[in-house]
Amino acid sequence: MTAKSSATVAATVTADRFIGFTLGALGVLAFSMSLPATRVAVQQLDPWFVAFGRAVGAALLAWAYLRYTRAPRPTRGQWRRLSIVALGVVVGFPLFTSLALTTQTSAHGAVVIAVLPAMTAVFAVLRAGERPPPLFWLASIGGLVAVLAFLIANGALHGALSAADLFLLAAVVLCGLGYAEGGALARELGGARTICWALLLALPVTLVITLAAAAVRPPRADATAWAAFGYVTAISMFLGFFAWYAGLARGGIARVGQIQLAQPILTLLWSALLLAETVTPASIGAATVVLACVVLTQRTRGVRAAGRGVDDDATDRAPRRRIDGDGTGGCSAGAVQRGQRVT
């Protein structure tokens, strides 16, 4: 390889990393507004309508996207995996956060959600059969202990977790499962198509529940609440995933994934600026401890079951696969069989 071609390759890699970082940051920025927007919406709209109605709206956008791109249908095995994605990020996380935020602030929720990256890493480790070092498990347990301590100290005066706290913890578990499964499946379908097909798969359920919720409690709200509902529909449930998965594909999962660590801090900032919620020193302290634990967790994820360490930097020296038409990381089965890098 000549010096000129080497410089061209280096420039391409640098550009990919910059684009990936930018898209990943946009995804995190979009998700960081989800809890405050949900908090605004559920103050006037039924939480079941907010949780499932936003999935219905996003499914309509997903149908239009898939039709426009003429995306091929998933295989039978991929449909089964998409059901896990739908359970986690289309149904579970929106439902339990909506229920929690009817009585709890988004600032409080941000601290609990801060453990989501660690939960996602745990599910990725379990799914991939990795054997991380003890530091990984210590960091994961440390993050959970910090969250539970915060909840016990601030969630209820009677020494027990409130229903809202339990809802938030359930949201974290299900979303972590959905993220891990979706991240693996996006290597085959692409990030955009993964979330789009998951939305359509869940549509029969989300549509029925949305109509039932609207019948029991007809949706009436002011422009602010509807704007918040529109945000969680078009951005949190749809476009945010486009930017996030595209960033992972272009910049690398290990590098771009670290951006998500800023999400809880951004959510606390939006809660204070937009909702005038009080962000207590305990909230900031708990979020800081959790983020420190998450950093340790993320840095020890690459150890494999067979005793082979995975060097994240080394993967950048592997051949890059072609980004498919949706720009979010789809690849051919042949590329996987040839052992090409898929991120």
C-alpha atoms as a PDB file:
ATOM      1  CA  MET A   1       0.000   0.000   0.000  1.00  0.00           C
ATOM      2  CA  THR A   2       1.373   3.379  -1.002  1.00  0.00           C
ATOM      3  CA  ALA A   3       1.688   6.359   1.298  1.00  0.00           C
ATOM      4  CA  LYS A   4      -1.083   8.112  -0.637  1.00  0.00           C
ATOM      5  CA  SER A   5      -3.505   5.210  -0.310  1.00  0.00           C
ATOM      6  CA  SER A   6      -2.647   4.863   3.373  1.00  0.00           C
ATOM      7  CA  ALA A   7      -3.453   8.516   3.908  1.00  0.00           C
ATOM      8  CA  THR A   8      -6.753   8.066   2.062  1.00  0.00           C
ATOM      9  CA  VAL A   9      -7.733   5.119   4.253  1.00  0.00           C
ATOM     10  CA  ALA A  10      -6.772   7.028   7.408  1.00  0.00           C
ATOM     11  CA  ALA A  11      -8.835  10.023   6.290  1.00  0.00           C
ATOM     12  CA  THR A  12     -11.819   7.772   5.589  1.00  0.00           C
ATOM     13  CA  VAL A  13     -11.584   6.131   9.016  1.00  0.00           C
ATOM     14  CA  THR A  14     -11.321   9.533  10.693  1.00  0.00           C
ATOM     15  CA  ALA A  15     -14.351  10.797   8.770  1.00  0.00           C
ATOM     16  CA  ASP A  16     -16.356   7.705   9.712  1.00  0.00           C
ATOM     17  CA  ARG A  17     -15.513   8.178  13.381  1.00  0.00           C
ATOM     18  CA  PHE A  18     -16.469  11.848  13.276  1.00  0.00           C
ATOM     19  CA  ILE A  19     -19.778  11.125  11.519  1.00  0.00           C
ATOM     20  CA  GLY A  20     -20.459   8.250  13.903  1.00  0.00           C
ATOM     21  CA  PHE A  21     -19.745  10.415  16.923  1.00  0.00           C
ATOM     22  CA  THR A  22     -22.005  13.176  15.587  1.00  0.00           C
ATOM     23  CA  LEU A  23     -24.895  10.813  14.832  1.00  0.00           C
ATOM     24  CA  GLY A  24     -24.473   9.042  18.171  1.00  0.00           C
ATOM     25  CA  ALA A  25     -24.517  12.372  19.995  1.00  0.00           C
ATOM     26  CA  LEU A  26     -27.716  13.316  18.166  1.00  0.00           C
ATOM     27  CA  GLY A  27     -29.288  10.024  19.239  1.00  0.00           C
ATOM     28  CA  VAL A  28     -28.366  10.559  22.881  1.00  0.00           C
ATOM     29  CA  LEU A  29     -29.581  14.147  22.709  1.00  0.00           C
ATOM     30  CA  ALA A  30     -32.918  12.910  21.352  1.00  0.00           C
ATOM     31  CA  PHE A  31     -33.302  10.235  24.035  1.00  0.00           C
ATOM     32  CA  SER A  32     -32.322  12.615  26.837  1.00  0.00           C
ATOM     33  CA  MET A  33     -35.572  14.538  26.300  1.00  0.00           C
ATOM     34  CA  SER A  34     -37.762  11.430  26.496  1.00  0.00           C
ATOM     35  CA  LEU A  35     -38.418  11.450  30.240  1.00  0.00           C
ATOM     36  CA  PRO A  36     -39.210  15.193  30.493  1.00  0.00           C
ATOM     37  CA  ALA A  37     -41.489  14.986  27.434  1.00  0.00           C
ATOM     38  CA  THR A  38     -43.245  11.918  28.835  1.00  0.00           C
ATOM     39  CA  ARG A  39     -43.661  13.688  32.177  1.00  0.00           C
ATOM     40  CA  VAL A  40     -45.397  16.605  30.413  1.00  0.00           C
ATOM     41  CA  ALA A  41     -47.624  14.340  28.328  1.00  0.00           C
ATOM     42  CA  VAL A  42     -48.885  12.111  31.145  1.00  0.00           C
ATOM     43  CA  GLN A  43     -49.976  15.090  33.224  1.00  0.00           C
ATOM     44  CA  GLN A  44     -52.960  15.490  30.877  1.00  0.00           C
ATOM     45  CA  LEU A  45     -53.098  12.300  28.804  1.00  0.00           C
ATOM     46  CA  ASP A  46     -53.682   8.761  30.010  1.00  0.00           C
ATOM     47  CA  PRO A  47     -50.294   7.021  30.525  1.00  0.00           C
ATOM     48  CA  TRP A  48     -51.482   3.961  28.612  1.00  0.00           C
ATOM     49  CA  PHE A  49     -52.464   6.184  25.702  1.00  0.00           C
ATOM     50  CA  VAL A  50     -49.069   7.925  25.806  1.00  0.00           C
ATOM     51  CA  ALA A  51     -47.130   4.649  25.972  1.00  0.00           C
ATOM     52  CA  PHE A  52     -48.959   2.804  23.205  1.00  0.00           C
ATOM     53  CA  GLY A  53     -50.214   5.750  21.158  1.00  0.00           C
ATOM     54  CA  ARG A  54     -46.673   6.888  20.486  1.00  0.00           C
ATOM     55  CA  ALA A  55     -45.830   3.380  19.283  1.00  0.00           C
ATOM     56  CA  VAL A  56     -48.796   3.475  16.895  1.00  0.00           C
ATOM     57  CA  GLY A  57     -47.714   6.837  15.487  1.00  0.00           C
ATOM     58  CA  ALA A  58     -44.131   5.651  15.106  1.00  0.00           C
ATOM     59  CA  ALA A  59     -45.355   2.446  13.423  1.00  0.00           C
ATOM     60  CA  LEU A  60     -47.100   4.525  10.761  1.00  0.00           C
ATOM     61  CA  LEU A  61     -43.841   6.368  10.125  1.00  0.00           C
ATOM     62  CA  ALA A  62     -42.009   3.029  10.055  1.00  0.00           C
ATOM     63  CA  TRP A  63     -44.455   1.632   7.472  1.00  0.00           C
ATOM     64  CA  ALA A  64     -43.876   4.647   5.233  1.00  0.00           C
ATOM     65  CA  TYR A  65     -40.094   4.288   5.575  1.00  0.00           C
ATOM     66  CA  LEU A  66     -40.039   0.562   4.825  1.00  0.00           C
ATOM     67  CA  ARG A  67     -42.337   1.028   1.845  1.00  0.00           C
ATOM     68  CA  TYR A  68     -40.222   3.862   0.474  1.00  0.00           C
ATOM     69  CA  THR A  69     -36.966   1.889   0.845  1.00  0.00           C
ATOM     70  CA  ARG A  70     -38.587  -1.378  -0.367  1.00  0.00           C
ATOM     71  CA  ALA A  71     -37.027  -3.218   2.542  1.00  0.00           C
ATOM     72  CA  PRO A  72     -37.101  -7.045   2.322  1.00  0.00           C
ATOM     73  CA  ARG A  73     -39.135  -8.873   4.933  1.00  0.00           C
ATOM     74  CA  PRO A  74     -37.263 -10.445   7.855  1.00  0.00           C
ATOM     75  CA  THR A  75     -36.845 -14.196   8.065  1.00  0.00           C
ATOM     76  CA  ARG A  76     -38.796 -16.362  10.508  1.00  0.00           C
ATOM     77  CA  GLY A  77     -35.892 -16.411  12.938  1.00  0.00           C
ATOM     78  CA  GLN A  78     -35.495 -12.648  12.719  1.00  0.00           C
ATOM     79  CA  TRP A  79     -39.204 -12.167  13.482  1.00  0.00           C
ATOM     80  CA  ARG A  80     -38.731 -14.102  16.716  1.00  0.00           C
ATOM     81  CA  ARG A  81     -35.842 -11.866  17.705  1.00  0.00           C
ATOM     82  CA  LEU A  82     -37.806  -8.775  16.694  1.00  0.00           C
ATOM     83  CA  SER A  83     -40.477  -9.794  19.199  1.00  0.00           C
ATOM     84  CA  ILE A  84     -37.881  -9.388  21.965  1.00  0.00           C
ATOM     85  CA  VAL A  85     -36.924  -5.964  20.625  1.00  0.00           C
ATOM     86  CA  ALA A  86     -40.595  -4.969  20.520  1.00  0.00           C
ATOM     87  CA  LEU A  87     -41.177  -6.207  24.068  1.00  0.00           C
ATOM     88  CA  GLY A  88     -38.264  -4.154  25.378  1.00  0.00           C
ATOM     89  CA  VAL A  89     -38.207  -0.838  23.513  1.00  0.00           C
ATOM     90  CA  VAL A  90     -41.663  -0.582  21.913  1.00  0.00           C
ATOM     91  CA  VAL A  91     -43.844  -1.837  24.778  1.00  0.00           C
ATOM     92  CA  GLY A  92     -41.919  -2.281  28.024  1.00  0.00           C
ATOM     93  CA  PHE A  93     -39.872   0.889  28.356  1.00  0.00           C
ATOM     94  CA  PRO A  94     -42.570   3.347  27.152  1.00  0.00           C
ATOM     95  CA  LEU A  95     -45.276   1.724  29.293  1.00  0.00           C
ATOM     96  CA  PHE A  96     -43.380   1.555  32.583  1.00  0.00           C
ATOM     97  CA  THR A  97     -41.829   5.004  32.258  1.00  0.00           C
ATOM     98  CA  SER A  98     -45.247   6.485  31.449  1.00  0.00           C
ATOM     99  CA  LEU A  99     -46.773   4.839  34.515  1.00  0.00           C
ATOM    100  CA  ALA A 100     -43.866   5.929  36.716  1.00  0.00           C
ATOM    101  CA  LEU A 101     -43.873   9.545  35.591  1.00  0.00           C
ATOM    102  CA  THR A 102     -47.509  10.095  36.488  1.00  0.00           C
ATOM    103  CA  THR A 103     -46.369  10.403  40.110  1.00  0.00           C
ATOM    104  CA  GLN A 104     -42.593  10.832  39.904  1.00  0.00           C
ATOM    105  CA  THR A 105     -40.393  13.559  38.423  1.00  0.00           C
ATOM    106  CA  SER A 106     -38.268  13.053  35.330  1.00  0.00           C
ATOM    107  CA  ALA A 107     -35.204  14.145  37.350  1.00  0.00           C
ATOM    108  CA  HIS A 108     -35.793  11.235  39.709  1.00  0.00           C
ATOM    109  CA  GLY A 109     -36.318   8.919  36.777  1.00  0.00           C
ATOM    110  CA  ALA A 110     -33.074  10.048  35.151  1.00  0.00           C
ATOM    111  CA  VAL A 111     -31.058   8.667  38.068  1.00  0.00           C
ATOM    112  CA  VAL A 112     -32.699   5.255  37.819  1.00  0.00           C
ATOM    113  CA  ILE A 113     -32.384   5.154  34.024  1.00  0.00           C
ATOM    114  CA  ALA A 114     -28.667   5.928  34.413  1.00  0.00           C
ATOM    115  CA  VAL A 115     -28.056   2.242  35.037  1.00  0.00           C
ATOM    116  CA  LEU A 116     -29.484   1.315  31.603  1.00  0.00           C
ATOM    117  CA  PRO A 117     -26.095   1.096  29.809  1.00  0.00           C
ATOM    118  CA  ALA A 118     -24.858  -1.322  32.456  1.00  0.00           C
ATOM    119  CA  MET A 119     -28.033  -3.400  32.185  1.00  0.00           C
ATOM    120  CA  THR A 120     -27.624  -3.495  28.417  1.00  0.00           C
ATOM    121  CA  ALA A 121     -24.031  -4.667  28.867  1.00  0.00           C
ATOM    122  CA  VAL A 122     -25.149  -7.411  31.257  1.00  0.00           C
ATOM    123  CA  PHE A 123     -27.661  -8.752  28.739  1.00  0.00           C
ATOM    124  CA  ALA A 124     -25.041  -8.537  25.967  1.00  0.00           C
ATOM    125  CA  VAL A 125     -22.612 -10.535  28.106  1.00  0.00           C
ATOM    126  CA  LEU A 126     -25.215 -13.183  28.937  1.00  0.00           C
ATOM    127  CA  ARG A 127     -26.300 -13.465  25.310  1.00  0.00           C
ATOM    128  CA  ALA A 128     -22.763 -13.664  23.909  1.00  0.00           C
ATOM    129  CA  GLY A 129     -21.475 -16.045  26.591  1.00  0.00           C
ATOM    130  CA  GLU A 130     -18.630 -13.740  27.591  1.00  0.00           C
ATOM    131  CA  ARG A 131     -16.614 -14.144  30.805  1.00  0.00           C
ATOM    132  CA  PRO A 132     -15.660 -10.641  31.904  1.00  0.00           C
ATOM    133  CA  PRO A 133     -13.259 -10.068  34.801  1.00  0.00           C
ATOM    134  CA  PRO A 134     -14.502  -9.492  38.348  1.00  0.00           C
ATOM    135  CA  LEU A 135     -14.248  -5.729  37.826  1.00  0.00           C
ATOM    136  CA  PHE A 136     -17.178  -5.912  35.419  1.00  0.00           C
ATOM    137  CA  TRP A 137     -19.485  -7.530  37.963  1.00  0.00           C
ATOM    138  CA  LEU A 138     -18.281  -5.254  40.763  1.00  0.00           C
ATOM    139  CA  ALA A 139     -19.047  -2.207  38.625  1.00  0.00           C
ATOM    140  CA  SER A 140     -22.496  -3.540  37.668  1.00  0.00           C
ATOM    141  CA  ILE A 141     -23.388  -4.340  41.278  1.00  0.00           C
ATOM    142  CA  GLY A 142     -22.019  -0.982  42.391  1.00  0.00           C
ATOM    143  CA  GLY A 143     -24.304   0.857  39.967  1.00  0.00           C
ATOM    144  CA  LEU A 144     -27.338  -1.095  41.115  1.00  0.00           C
ATOM    145  CA  VAL A 145     -26.489  -0.501  44.775  1.00  0.00           C
ATOM    146  CA  ALA A 146     -26.161   3.245  44.137  1.00  0.00           C
ATOM    147  CA  VAL A 147     -29.561   3.362  42.434  1.00  0.00           C
ATOM    148  CA  LEU A 148     -31.270   1.285  45.119  1.00  0.00           C
ATOM    149  CA  ALA A 149     -29.739   3.428  47.861  1.00  0.00           C
ATOM    150  CA  PHE A 150     -31.021   6.568  46.152  1.00  0.00           C
ATOM    151  CA  LEU A 151     -34.504   5.082  45.794  1.00  0.00           C
ATOM    152  CA  ILE A 152     -34.716   3.950  49.404  1.00  0.00           C
ATOM    153  CA  ALA A 153     -33.475   7.317  50.668  1.00  0.00           C
ATOM    154  CA  ASN A 154     -35.673   9.463  48.429  1.00  0.00           C
ATOM    155  CA  GLY A 155     -38.386   7.274  46.949  1.00  0.00           C
ATOM    156  CA  ALA A 156     -40.473   6.680  50.054  1.00  0.00           C
ATOM    157  CA  LEU A 157     -40.446   7.728  53.702  1.00  0.00           C
ATOM    158  CA  HIS A 158     -41.715   4.347  54.819  1.00  0.00           C
ATOM    159  CA  GLY A 159     -38.529   2.534  53.870  1.00  0.00           C
ATOM    160  CA  ALA A 160     -40.060   0.743  50.881  1.00  0.00           C
ATOM    161  CA  LEU A 161     -39.814   1.310  47.152  1.00  0.00           C
ATOM    162  CA  SER A 162     -42.743   3.126  45.625  1.00  0.00           C
ATOM    163  CA  ALA A 163     -44.701   1.787  42.668  1.00  0.00           C
ATOM    164  CA  ALA A 164     -43.055   4.425  40.455  1.00  0.00           C
ATOM    165  CA  ASP A 165     -39.606   3.183  41.453  1.00  0.00           C
ATOM    166  CA  LEU A 166     -40.533  -0.398  40.622  1.00  0.00           C
ATOM    167  CA  PHE A 167     -41.933   0.732  37.264  1.00  0.00           C
ATOM    168  CA  LEU A 168     -38.667   2.506  36.455  1.00  0.00           C
ATOM    169  CA  LEU A 169     -36.590  -0.530  37.386  1.00  0.00           C
ATOM    170  CA  ALA A 170     -38.802  -2.737  35.209  1.00  0.00           C
ATOM    171  CA  ALA A 171     -38.341  -0.261  32.352  1.00  0.00           C
ATOM    172  CA  VAL A 172     -34.563  -0.473  32.716  1.00  0.00           C
ATOM    173  CA  VAL A 173     -34.530  -4.281  32.661  1.00  0.00           C
ATOM    174  CA  LEU A 174     -36.812  -4.593  29.629  1.00  0.00           C
ATOM    175  CA  CYS A 175     -35.088  -1.806  27.715  1.00  0.00           C
ATOM    176  CA  GLY A 176     -31.671  -3.337  28.385  1.00  0.00           C
ATOM    177  CA  LEU A 177     -32.938  -6.614  26.957  1.00  0.00           C
ATOM    178  CA  GLY A 178     -34.401  -4.845  23.928  1.00  0.00           C
ATOM    179  CA  TYR A 179     -31.220  -2.844  23.308  1.00  0.00           C
ATOM    180  CA  ALA A 180     -28.998  -5.944  23.489  1.00  0.00           C
ATOM    181  CA  GLU A 181     -31.214  -7.988  21.169  1.00  0.00           C
ATOM    182  CA  GLY A 182     -31.736  -5.067  18.812  1.00  0.00           C
ATOM    183  CA  GLY A 183     -28.022  -4.320  18.655  1.00  0.00           C
ATOM    184  CA  ALA A 184     -27.286  -7.913  17.664  1.00  0.00           C
ATOM    185  CA  LEU A 185     -30.111  -8.015  15.116  1.00  0.00           C
ATOM    186  CA  ALA A 186     -29.106  -4.680  13.575  1.00  0.00           C
ATOM    187  CA  ARG A 187     -25.963  -6.397  12.297  1.00  0.00           C
ATOM    188  CA  GLU A 188     -28.254  -8.315   9.931  1.00  0.00           C
ATOM    189  CA  LEU A 189     -31.137  -5.942   9.232  1.00  0.00           C
ATOM    190  CA  GLY A 190     -29.587  -2.534   9.827  1.00  0.00           C
ATOM    191  CA  GLY A 191     -30.526  -0.255  12.687  1.00  0.00           C
ATOM    192  CA  ALA A 192     -33.348   1.645  10.995  1.00  0.00           C
ATOM    193  CA  ARG A 193     -35.031  -1.492   9.688  1.00  0.00           C
ATOM    194  CA  THR A 194     -34.707  -3.227  13.044  1.00  0.00           C
ATOM    195  CA  ILE A 195     -36.710  -0.578  14.902  1.00  0.00           C
ATOM    196  CA  CYS A 196     -39.165  -0.193  11.996  1.00  0.00           C
ATOM    197  CA  TRP A 197     -39.984  -3.892  11.788  1.00  0.00           C
ATOM    198  CA  ALA A 198     -40.256  -4.096  15.599  1.00  0.00           C
ATOM    199  CA  LEU A 199     -42.780  -1.235  15.556  1.00  0.00           C
ATOM    200  CA  LEU A 200     -44.863  -2.944  12.866  1.00  0.00           C
ATOM    201  CA  LEU A 201     -44.690  -6.299  14.642  1.00  0.00           C
ATOM    202  CA  ALA A 202     -46.100  -4.712  17.804  1.00  0.00           C
ATOM    203  CA  LEU A 203     -48.752  -2.680  15.955  1.00  0.00           C
ATOM    204  CA  PRO A 204     -51.687  -5.115  16.423  1.00  0.00           C
ATOM    205  CA  VAL A 205     -51.168  -4.938  20.192  1.00  0.00           C
ATOM    206  CA  THR A 206     -50.310  -1.253  20.486  1.00  0.00           C
ATOM    207  CA  LEU A 207     -53.241  -0.208  18.281  1.00  0.00           C
ATOM    208  CA  VAL A 208     -55.835  -2.157  20.284  1.00  0.00           C
ATOM    209  CA  ILE A 209     -54.562  -0.839  23.621  1.00  0.00           C
ATOM    210  CA  THR A 210     -54.397   2.727  22.272  1.00  0.00           C
ATOM    211  CA  LEU A 211     -58.018   2.580  21.083  1.00  0.00           C
ATOM    212  CA  ALA A 212     -59.133   1.048  24.393  1.00  0.00           C
ATOM    213  CA  ALA A 213     -57.322   3.710  26.406  1.00  0.00           C
ATOM    214  CA  ALA A 214     -58.840   6.455  24.251  1.00  0.00           C
ATOM    215  CA  ALA A 215     -62.310   4.989  24.735  1.00  0.00           C
ATOM    216  CA  VAL A 216     -61.979   4.809  28.517  1.00  0.00           C
ATOM    217  CA  ARG A 217     -60.414   8.242  28.827  1.00  0.00           C
ATOM    218  CA  PRO A 218     -60.780  10.355  25.668  1.00  0.00           C
ATOM    219  CA  PRO A 219     -57.513  12.219  25.036  1.00  0.00           C
ATOM    220  CA  ARG A 220     -57.902  15.923  25.822  1.00  0.00           C
ATOM    221  CA  ALA A 221     -54.871  18.105  26.366  1.00  0.00           C
ATOM    222  CA  ASP A 222     -53.422  21.487  25.562  1.00  0.00           C
ATOM    223  CA  ALA A 223     -50.880  22.198  22.851  1.00  0.00           C
ATOM    224  CA  THR A 224     -47.929  21.669  25.188  1.00  0.00           C
ATOM    225  CA  ALA A 225     -48.967  18.131  26.130  1.00  0.00           C
ATOM    226  CA  TRP A 226     -49.658  17.236  22.495  1.00  0.00           C
ATOM    227  CA  ALA A 227     -46.273  18.635  21.496  1.00  0.00           C
ATOM    228  CA  ALA A 228     -44.629  16.437  24.135  1.00  0.00           C
ATOM    229  CA  PHE A 229     -46.591  13.444  22.831  1.00  0.00           C
ATOM    230  CA  GLY A 230     -45.458  14.273  19.304  1.00  0.00           C
ATOM    231  CA  TYR A 231     -41.848  14.400  20.476  1.00  0.00           C
ATOM    232  CA  VAL A 232     -41.850  10.953  22.077  1.00  0.00           C
ATOM    233  CA  THR A 233     -43.602   9.593  18.975  1.00  0.00           C
ATOM    234  CA  ALA A 234     -41.476  11.012  16.164  1.00  0.00           C
ATOM    235  CA  ILE A 235     -38.156  11.490  17.955  1.00  0.00           C
ATOM    236  CA  SER A 236     -37.857   9.159  20.948  1.00  0.00           C
ATOM    237  CA  MET A 237     -39.581   6.182  19.323  1.00  0.00           C
ATOM    238  CA  PHE A 238     -38.480   6.669  15.720  1.00  0.00           C
ATOM    239  CA  LEU A 239     -35.839   9.135  14.505  1.00  0.00           C
ATOM    240  CA  GLY A 240     -33.726   8.896  17.647  1.00  0.00           C
ATOM    241  CA  PHE A 241     -33.096   5.225  16.896  1.00  0.00           C
ATOM    242  CA  PHE A 242     -32.099   6.091  13.338  1.00  0.00           C
ATOM    243  CA  ALA A 243     -29.356   8.446  14.507  1.00  0.00           C
ATOM    244  CA  TRP A 244     -28.216   6.195  17.358  1.00  0.00           C
ATOM    245  CA  TYR A 245     -27.839   2.997  15.345  1.00  0.00           C
ATOM    246  CA  ALA A 246     -26.341   4.837  12.373  1.00  0.00           C
ATOM    247  CA  GLY A 247     -23.754   6.344  14.715  1.00  0.00           C
ATOM    248  CA  LEU A 248     -22.858   2.904  16.075  1.00  0.00           C
ATOM    249  CA  ALA A 249     -22.469   1.590  12.526  1.00  0.00           C
ATOM    250  CA  ARG A 250     -20.276   4.434  11.291  1.00  0.00           C
ATOM    251  CA  GLY A 251     -18.168   5.151  14.380  1.00  0.00           C
ATOM    252  CA  GLY A 252     -17.942   1.783  16.109  1.00  0.00           C
ATOM    253  CA  ILE A 253     -20.005   0.480  18.994  1.00  0.00           C
ATOM    254  CA  ALA A 254     -17.214   0.711  21.599  1.00  0.00           C
ATOM    255  CA  ARG A 255     -16.441   4.368  20.897  1.00  0.00           C
ATOM    256  CA  VAL A 256     -19.871   5.790  20.103  1.00  0.00           C
ATOM    257  CA  GLY A 257     -21.509   3.787  22.891  1.00  0.00           C
ATOM    258  CA  GLN A 258     -19.631   5.851  25.465  1.00  0.00           C
ATOM    259  CA  ILE A 259     -21.673   8.918  24.481  1.00  0.00           C
ATOM    260  CA  GLN A 260     -24.734   7.407  26.159  1.00  0.00           C
ATOM    261  CA  LEU A 261     -23.087   8.022  29.519  1.00  0.00           C
ATOM    262  CA  ALA A 262     -24.041  11.690  29.162  1.00  0.00           C
ATOM    263  CA  GLN A 263     -27.766  10.957  28.842  1.00  0.00           C
ATOM    264  CA  PRO A 264     -28.742  11.051  32.562  1.00  0.00           C
ATOM    265  CA  ILE A 265     -26.920  14.347  33.071  1.00  0.00           C
ATOM    266  CA  LEU A 266     -28.686  15.837  30.046  1.00  0.00           C
ATOM    267  CA  THR A 267     -32.040  14.620  31.346  1.00  0.00           C
ATOM    268  CA  LEU A 268     -31.406  16.250  34.714  1.00  0.00           C
ATOM    269  CA  LEU A 269     -30.522  19.460  32.876  1.00  0.00           C
ATOM    270  CA  TRP A 270     -33.729  19.409  30.778  1.00  0.00           C
ATOM    271  CA  SER A 271     -35.793  18.639  33.879  1.00  0.00           C
ATOM    272  CA  ALA A 272     -34.432  21.697  35.635  1.00  0.00           C
ATOM    273  CA  LEU A 273     -34.557  24.060  32.648  1.00  0.00           C
ATOM    274  CA  LEU A 274     -37.853  23.048  31.033  1.00  0.00           C
ATOM    275  CA  LEU A 275     -39.918  21.689  33.922  1.00  0.00           C
ATOM    276  CA  ALA A 276     -38.452  23.716  36.799  1.00  0.00           C
ATOM    277  CA  GLU A 277     -37.922  20.487  38.715  1.00  0.00           C
ATOM    278  CA  THR A 278     -35.581  20.509  41.681  1.00  0.00           C
ATOM    279  CA  VAL A 279     -32.399  18.574  41.068  1.00  0.00           C
ATOM    280  CA  THR A 280     -31.148  17.709  44.537  1.00  0.00           C
ATOM    281  CA  PRO A 281     -27.503  17.135  45.457  1.00  0.00           C
ATOM    282  CA  ALA A 282     -28.450  13.522  46.206  1.00  0.00           C
ATOM    283  CA  SER A 283     -29.694  13.108  42.623  1.00  0.00           C
ATOM    284  CA  ILE A 284     -26.475  14.521  41.207  1.00  0.00           C
ATOM    285  CA  GLY A 285     -24.351  12.428  43.549  1.00  0.00           C
ATOM    286  CA  ALA A 286     -26.225   9.212  42.750  1.00  0.00           C
ATOM    287  CA  ALA A 287     -26.047   9.886  39.018  1.00  0.00           C
ATOM    288  CA  THR A 288     -22.302  10.513  39.273  1.00  0.00           C
ATOM    289  CA  VAL A 289     -21.686   7.245  41.131  1.00  0.00           C
ATOM    290  CA  VAL A 290     -23.812   5.304  38.650  1.00  0.00           C
ATOM    291  CA  LEU A 291     -22.036   6.829  35.677  1.00  0.00           C
ATOM    292  CA  ALA A 292     -18.645   5.962  37.166  1.00  0.00           C
ATOM    293  CA  CYS A 293     -19.774   2.359  37.561  1.00  0.00           C
ATOM    294  CA  VAL A 294     -21.111   2.309  34.013  1.00  0.00           C
ATOM    295  CA  VAL A 295     -17.771   3.553  32.674  1.00  0.00           C
ATOM    296  CA  LEU A 296     -16.009   0.639  34.392  1.00  0.00           C
ATOM    297  CA  THR A 297     -18.621  -1.779  33.048  1.00  0.00           C
ATOM    298  CA  GLN A 298     -18.260  -0.559  29.481  1.00  0.00           C
ATOM    299  CA  ARG A 299     -14.472  -0.743  29.625  1.00  0.00           C
ATOM    300  CA  THR A 300     -14.502  -4.428  30.634  1.00  0.00           C
ATOM    301  CA  ARG A 301     -17.099  -5.754  28.210  1.00  0.00           C
ATOM    302  CA  GLY A 302     -14.727  -7.107  25.598  1.00  0.00           C
ATOM    303  CA  VAL A 303     -13.507 -10.344  27.278  1.00  0.00           C
ATOM    304  CA  ARG A 304     -14.770 -13.479  25.556  1.00  0.00           C
ATOM    305  CA  ALA A 305     -15.785 -16.860  26.952  1.00  0.00           C
ATOM    306  CA  ALA A 306     -12.996 -18.716  25.184  1.00  0.00           C
ATOM    307  CA  GLY A 307     -10.424 -16.661  27.041  1.00  0.00           C
ATOM    308  CA  ARG A 308      -9.712 -14.431  24.050  1.00  0.00           C
ATOM    309  CA  GLY A 309      -9.609 -10.746  24.860  1.00  0.00           C
ATOM    310  CA  VAL A 310     -11.160  -8.404  22.331  1.00  0.00           C
ATOM    311  CA  ASP A 311      -9.133  -5.327  21.509  1.00  0.00           C
ATOM    312  CA  ASP A 312     -11.553  -2.596  20.458  1.00  0.00           C
ATOM    313  CA  ASP A 313      -8.784  -0.683  18.726  1.00  0.00           C
ATOM    314  CA  ALA A 314      -7.720  -3.780  16.866  1.00  0.00           C
ATOM    315  CA  THR A 315     -11.156  -4.127  15.332  1.00  0.00           C
ATOM    316  CA  ASP A 316     -10.590  -0.828  13.587  1.00  0.00           C
ATOM    317  CA  ARG A 317      -7.810  -2.483  11.629  1.00  0.00           C
ATOM    318  CA  ALA A 318     -10.197  -5.157  10.340  1.00  0.00           C
ATOM    319  CA  PRO A 319     -11.859  -4.748   6.935  1.00  0.00           C
ATOM    320  CA  ARG A 320     -14.868  -2.467   7.035  1.00  0.00           C
ATOM    321  CA  ARG A 321     -18.141  -3.729   5.640  1.00  0.00           C
ATOM    322  CA  ARG A 322     -20.279  -1.714   3.265  1.00  0.00           C
ATOM    323  CA  ILE A 323     -23.037   0.392   4.788  1.00  0.00           C
ATOM    324  CA  ASP A 324     -26.302  -0.591   3.139  1.00  0.00           C
ATOM    325  CA  GLY A 325     -28.944   1.632   1.680  1.00  0.00           C
ATOM    326  CA  ASP A 326     -30.466   2.736   4.967  1.00  0.00           C
ATOM    327  CA  GLY A 327     -27.040   3.807   6.257  1.00  0.00           C
ATOM    328  CA  THR A 328     -27.503   2.088   9.602  1.00  0.00           C
ATOM    329  CA  GLY A 329     -25.296  -0.939   9.566  1.00  0.00           C
ATOM    330  CA  GLY A 330     -26.966  -3.695   7.597  1.00  0.00           C
ATOM    331  CA  CYS A 331     -24.685  -6.297   6.042  1.00  0.00           C
ATOM    332  CA  SER A 332     -24.880  -9.402   3.950  1.00  0.00           C
ATOM    333  CA  ALA A 333     -24.683 -12.906   5.345  1.00  0.00           C
ATOM    334  CA  GLY A 334     -21.593 -13.435   3.233  1.00  0.00           C
ATOM    335  CA  ALA A 335     -19.799 -10.620   4.998  1.00  0.00           C
ATOM    336  CA  VAL A 336     -20.491 -12.249   8.350  1.00  0.00           C
ATOM    337  CA  GLN A 337     -19.312 -15.635   7.094  1.00  0.00           C
ATOM    338  CA  ARG A 338     -16.096 -14.084   5.789  1.00  0.00           C
ATOM    339  CA  GLY A 339     -15.416 -12.664   9.253  1.00  0.00           C
ATOM    340  CA  GLN A 340     -15.558  -9.033   8.207  1.00  0.00           C
ATOM    341  CA  ARG A 341     -16.017  -6.399  10.844  1.00  0.00           C
ATOM    342  CA  VAL A 342     -19.673  -5.645  11.550  1.00  0.00           C
ATOM    343  CA  THR A 343     -20.413  -2.829  13.959  1.00  0.00           C
END
